[in-house]
């Protein structure tokens, strides 16, 4: 039998690992139709570190971080996923985005 806490920890580790691969090069911002320097949407360059933090911070801090994620990522991303094809680290943007949305927006891992 698999321990539920172990499965949850494994999922969080997976998200943190995938997010840690981001080079912060900004190529994703260059192709994003929703990103603007003057805008509130931080693009994938903001989403990836937030996804990592969401998977690592204690539960009491996660609520505040989830609010930041909803405002700066979820609310601005049009899900065009143009960032996916230019990422030099080949980060699994789809998986990272869906898991982060589940955690920050729907409060589930």
C-alpha atoms as a PDB file:
ATOM      1  CA  UNK A   1       0.000   0.000   0.000  1.00  0.00           C
ATOM      2  CA  UNK A   2       1.293   3.468  -0.890  1.00  0.00           C
ATOM      3  CA  UNK A   3       1.318   6.144   1.792  1.00  0.00           C
ATOM      4  CA  UNK A   4      -0.808   9.157   0.700  1.00  0.00           C
ATOM      5  CA  UNK A   5       1.683  11.627   2.181  1.00  0.00           C
ATOM      6  CA  UNK A   6       4.503   9.984   0.233  1.00  0.00           C
ATOM      7  CA  UNK A   7       2.558  10.309  -3.026  1.00  0.00           C
ATOM      8  CA  UNK A   8       1.836  13.976  -2.305  1.00  0.00           C
ATOM      9  CA  UNK A   9       5.483  14.633  -1.450  1.00  0.00           C
ATOM     10  CA  UNK A  10       6.530  12.884  -4.660  1.00  0.00           C
ATOM     11  CA  UNK A  11       4.205  15.077  -6.744  1.00  0.00           C
ATOM     12  CA  UNK A  12       5.490  18.235  -5.087  1.00  0.00           C
ATOM     13  CA  UNK A  13       9.080  17.139  -5.634  1.00  0.00           C
ATOM     14  CA  UNK A  14       8.285  16.501  -9.288  1.00  0.00           C
ATOM     15  CA  UNK A  15       6.890  20.024  -9.713  1.00  0.00           C
ATOM     16  CA  UNK A  16       9.820  21.597  -7.864  1.00  0.00           C
ATOM     17  CA  UNK A  17      12.329  19.665  -9.950  1.00  0.00           C
ATOM     18  CA  UNK A  18      10.682  20.562 -13.260  1.00  0.00           C
ATOM     19  CA  UNK A  19      10.476  24.233 -12.261  1.00  0.00           C
ATOM     20  CA  UNK A  20      14.094  24.304 -11.091  1.00  0.00           C
ATOM     21  CA  UNK A  21      15.201  23.509 -14.632  1.00  0.00           C
ATOM     22  CA  UNK A  22      14.101  26.977 -15.827  1.00  0.00           C
ATOM     23  CA  UNK A  23      17.040  29.034 -17.091  1.00  0.00           C
ATOM     24  CA  UNK A  24      15.198  32.351 -16.635  1.00  0.00           C
ATOM     25  CA  UNK A  25      16.353  33.269 -20.148  1.00  0.00           C
ATOM     26  CA  UNK A  26      13.147  35.135 -21.052  1.00  0.00           C
ATOM     27  CA  UNK A  27      12.589  33.485 -24.431  1.00  0.00           C
ATOM     28  CA  UNK A  28       9.094  32.562 -23.279  1.00  0.00           C
ATOM     29  CA  UNK A  29       8.312  36.239 -22.777  1.00  0.00           C
ATOM     30  CA  UNK A  30       9.408  37.094 -26.319  1.00  0.00           C
ATOM     31  CA  UNK A  31       6.792  34.812 -27.889  1.00  0.00           C
ATOM     32  CA  UNK A  32       3.954  35.221 -25.384  1.00  0.00           C
ATOM     33  CA  UNK A  33       0.975  37.086 -26.862  1.00  0.00           C
ATOM     34  CA  UNK A  34      -0.219  38.027 -23.360  1.00  0.00           C
ATOM     35  CA  UNK A  35       3.019  39.404 -21.926  1.00  0.00           C
ATOM     36  CA  UNK A  36       3.725  43.122 -21.885  1.00  0.00           C
ATOM     37  CA  UNK A  37       6.425  44.921 -19.943  1.00  0.00           C
ATOM     38  CA  UNK A  38       3.780  47.337 -18.653  1.00  0.00           C
ATOM     39  CA  UNK A  39       1.272  44.582 -17.848  1.00  0.00           C
ATOM     40  CA  UNK A  40       0.600  42.654 -14.651  1.00  0.00           C
ATOM     41  CA  UNK A  41       1.076  39.225 -16.282  1.00  0.00           C
ATOM     42  CA  UNK A  42       4.577  37.968 -15.588  1.00  0.00           C
ATOM     43  CA  UNK A  43       4.528  35.194 -18.181  1.00  0.00           C
ATOM     44  CA  UNK A  44       6.115  31.799 -17.751  1.00  0.00           C
ATOM     45  CA  UNK A  45       9.233  33.467 -16.400  1.00  0.00           C
ATOM     46  CA  UNK A  46       7.127  34.334 -13.335  1.00  0.00           C
ATOM     47  CA  UNK A  47       4.995  31.188 -13.338  1.00  0.00           C
ATOM     48  CA  UNK A  48       7.870  28.741 -13.140  1.00  0.00           C
ATOM     49  CA  UNK A  49       9.439  30.127  -9.925  1.00  0.00           C
ATOM     50  CA  UNK A  50       5.972  30.498  -8.397  1.00  0.00           C
ATOM     51  CA  UNK A  51       5.201  26.869  -9.256  1.00  0.00           C
ATOM     52  CA  UNK A  52       8.378  25.806  -7.513  1.00  0.00           C
ATOM     53  CA  UNK A  53       7.576  27.863  -4.440  1.00  0.00           C
ATOM     54  CA  UNK A  54       4.014  26.536  -4.326  1.00  0.00           C
ATOM     55  CA  UNK A  55       5.415  23.031  -4.082  1.00  0.00           C
ATOM     56  CA  UNK A  56       7.946  23.868  -1.375  1.00  0.00           C
ATOM     57  CA  UNK A  57       6.476  26.366   1.080  1.00  0.00           C
ATOM     58  CA  UNK A  58       4.576  25.370   4.217  1.00  0.00           C
ATOM     59  CA  UNK A  59       0.771  25.329   3.989  1.00  0.00           C
ATOM     60  CA  UNK A  60       0.321  28.618   5.873  1.00  0.00           C
ATOM     61  CA  UNK A  61       2.477  30.476   3.329  1.00  0.00           C
ATOM     62  CA  UNK A  62       0.986  28.676   0.342  1.00  0.00           C
ATOM     63  CA  UNK A  63      -2.316  30.561   0.674  1.00  0.00           C
ATOM     64  CA  UNK A  64      -0.665  33.960   0.206  1.00  0.00           C
ATOM     65  CA  UNK A  65       1.525  32.663  -2.601  1.00  0.00           C
ATOM     66  CA  UNK A  66      -1.498  31.096  -4.310  1.00  0.00           C
ATOM     67  CA  UNK A  67      -3.182  34.495  -4.290  1.00  0.00           C
ATOM     68  CA  UNK A  68      -0.144  36.041  -5.990  1.00  0.00           C
ATOM     69  CA  UNK A  69      -0.144  33.215  -8.537  1.00  0.00           C
ATOM     70  CA  UNK A  70      -3.841  33.728  -9.348  1.00  0.00           C
ATOM     71  CA  UNK A  71      -3.300  37.445  -9.907  1.00  0.00           C
ATOM     72  CA  UNK A  72      -0.003  37.417 -11.804  1.00  0.00           C
ATOM     73  CA  UNK A  73      -0.213  34.155 -13.763  1.00  0.00           C
ATOM     74  CA  UNK A  74      -3.626  32.495 -13.914  1.00  0.00           C
ATOM     75  CA  UNK A  75      -5.490  35.737 -14.598  1.00  0.00           C
ATOM     76  CA  UNK A  76      -3.198  36.753 -17.455  1.00  0.00           C
ATOM     77  CA  UNK A  77      -2.263  33.554 -19.239  1.00  0.00           C
ATOM     78  CA  UNK A  78      -4.304  32.965 -22.386  1.00  0.00           C
ATOM     79  CA  UNK A  79      -2.985  29.369 -22.603  1.00  0.00           C
ATOM     80  CA  UNK A  80      -1.593  29.830 -26.114  1.00  0.00           C
ATOM     81  CA  UNK A  81       1.442  27.866 -24.907  1.00  0.00           C
ATOM     82  CA  UNK A  82       3.721  29.554 -27.424  1.00  0.00           C
ATOM     83  CA  UNK A  83       6.325  29.395 -24.657  1.00  0.00           C
ATOM     84  CA  UNK A  84       6.396  25.599 -24.881  1.00  0.00           C
ATOM     85  CA  UNK A  85       8.130  25.486 -28.263  1.00  0.00           C
ATOM     86  CA  UNK A  86      10.906  27.980 -27.471  1.00  0.00           C
ATOM     87  CA  UNK A  87      11.980  26.746 -24.047  1.00  0.00           C
ATOM     88  CA  UNK A  88      15.652  25.709 -24.313  1.00  0.00           C
ATOM     89  CA  UNK A  89      15.287  23.566 -21.156  1.00  0.00           C
ATOM     90  CA  UNK A  90      12.261  21.751 -22.638  1.00  0.00           C
ATOM     91  CA  UNK A  91      10.258  22.300 -19.474  1.00  0.00           C
ATOM     92  CA  UNK A  92       6.953  20.444 -19.515  1.00  0.00           C
ATOM     93  CA  UNK A  93       4.941  23.676 -19.462  1.00  0.00           C
ATOM     94  CA  UNK A  94       1.571  21.929 -19.869  1.00  0.00           C
ATOM     95  CA  UNK A  95       2.075  19.728 -16.816  1.00  0.00           C
ATOM     96  CA  UNK A  96       3.626  22.489 -14.728  1.00  0.00           C
ATOM     97  CA  UNK A  97       0.834  24.907 -15.593  1.00  0.00           C
ATOM     98  CA  UNK A  98      -1.962  22.436 -14.912  1.00  0.00           C
ATOM     99  CA  UNK A  99      -0.496  21.306 -11.593  1.00  0.00           C
ATOM    100  CA  UNK A 100       0.186  24.867 -10.485  1.00  0.00           C
ATOM    101  CA  UNK A 101      -3.328  25.927 -11.476  1.00  0.00           C
ATOM    102  CA  UNK A 102      -4.734  22.994  -9.511  1.00  0.00           C
ATOM    103  CA  UNK A 103      -2.765  24.006  -6.438  1.00  0.00           C
ATOM    104  CA  UNK A 104      -3.234  27.771  -6.607  1.00  0.00           C
ATOM    105  CA  UNK A 105      -6.698  28.075  -8.062  1.00  0.00           C
ATOM    106  CA  UNK A 106      -8.541  24.921  -7.032  1.00  0.00           C
ATOM    107  CA  UNK A 107      -6.479  24.221  -3.872  1.00  0.00           C
ATOM    108  CA  UNK A 108      -5.635  20.630  -4.740  1.00  0.00           C
ATOM    109  CA  UNK A 109      -2.497  18.800  -5.741  1.00  0.00           C
END
